[in-house]
Amino acid sequence: MTSFGSSPPPPMSITLDYLKEWRRFLKIDQLKIFNDQCHQIINAQMNTQMNNQMNNQTSNQIKGTTEGLEGMNEGLAEDNPIITFCLIHLLQHSPSPTLYYPYISRLGYSYTLTPNYLTSSSSRQVKDSEEAKIGRRWVRVYDGLVGREAEEGMGRIFKYTEDTNDLENYFISHSYNFGPTGPPTPYISYVLPLPLPTLKNPSTPPLLHHIISKILSVSPTPLTNATHVEFWSHSRSHISPHQLHFDTASEGDKGMFNPLWSAVLYLTGGGGGPTTVLEQTSTGRKLCKRAWVVKPKVGRLAVFNGRALHGVTPGMEFRMEDEGEKRRNTFMIAVWESDPGGGRCPSGVIDGTCVESGWPGALSAIRDWNSACASCEGGNEVAPMVIDGVWDRVREDVKVVGKDRDVRMEEVFTF
């Protein structure tokens, strides 16, 4: 393993992959060194890019263009993801995170995610029955719904592994990049028509049928109009976030077509950041004040509004001596009113005609779970945590969050 931090490269020579790997193996006693390095990187890279832009602007003016210097800072973060990575880290881990608001403003943004949101440090319990009622409109959380045996069975197939020849592993069979470095994995999902056949004659591996059926049993809306269920899975390093996004059909190729609702089943616990569901929809134009937080726990299920903005914050934990990496493994579904298109199973693999090979076959072979599932009678509904204060302004000349002002996402600094 590379020895990080002892003699890091100059700020302008550091790559994003180097930084991610350093953060991935970072121990708590190295935090100040890492913070200082991020601070130096931001200063060096921003100054260099701004000088380059200024030189380009000057060159354009010499050529006779009338373009001014306004908006010169815009796009710096998009063009340089190292700046974004370092700023998000410092908003999470600096003892004075608001000192970095001016840097975010220099990048051309008006608002940022708050340190409170990024760390969940001030998340709280639901304060009364009225707030709990509001929360259930956005997200519902259940523990123990699918049963321990089913959780363990899913965990055998949907897990992190370094054995690239294990084609019975869901992720290996899809050439999944476990990250946090390297190119992102293309979006992979499977779509099944509803209603599902009975468990006596399933068109999917019985365990998968059981898992999806149990999740559907706690649907927050009637399934009358539901026609398809989509499922997929992720395995992420504890430092890897999932950007704030809306679930859309075919990755947004069909426009802003959202599911009725989506759900996350946690196959691991203790690694990675929480799922956050913001009180902000795809049709809203004003920044919300509140978010609902669901922390990973084995067997926990979060079911949330399909139109809600949601994501995963970077994990806050640090590497302990001789400790293996904690990962965040999840299984997701989305319920749709019409066929969302996009990913499909290879012909015959999931519909029962060819389940003797690959990960569907391995999942079908798991029989040491009880379909009656005595350990999952209904599950226990638990209240999500609440975060007050999701967004903050980084410029004094814009309105405070929640005031009557439409906001474009280009104005908002996120990851």
Foldseek 3Di string as FASTA:
>chain_A
DDDPLPDDDQLVPDDPQNLVVCQLADDPVCVVSNLVSLVRNLVVQQVVQLVVLVVVQVVVVVVPDPDDCPPSLEPSCVVPVSNLVSLLVCQQDPPCSLVCLVSVVSNVFFKEFHNCQQHVPPWAFQDDPVSLVVQVQFKWKFFQALFPLLLVLVCVQQDDDPPLVPLLHPCSVQVADQDPDDDHRPDAKAKDFPPADDLVQGQFQSSVVSVVVSVVVVDPDDCPLWTMKMKDKHKYFLQDKWWWDADAFQVQPVHRAWFQKKKKAWSFADGHFWKKWFPDFPPDQAHGFKIWTDHHDHRMMMMGGRRTTMMGRRHPDHDDPPDDTGMTIIMMMTIHSDDSDDHHDPPPCGRPNNVCDGNRNSSNPDDPADSVRPSNPPGGIDGTIMGGGGMATSDPPDDGGPPPDGHDCSNYRTD
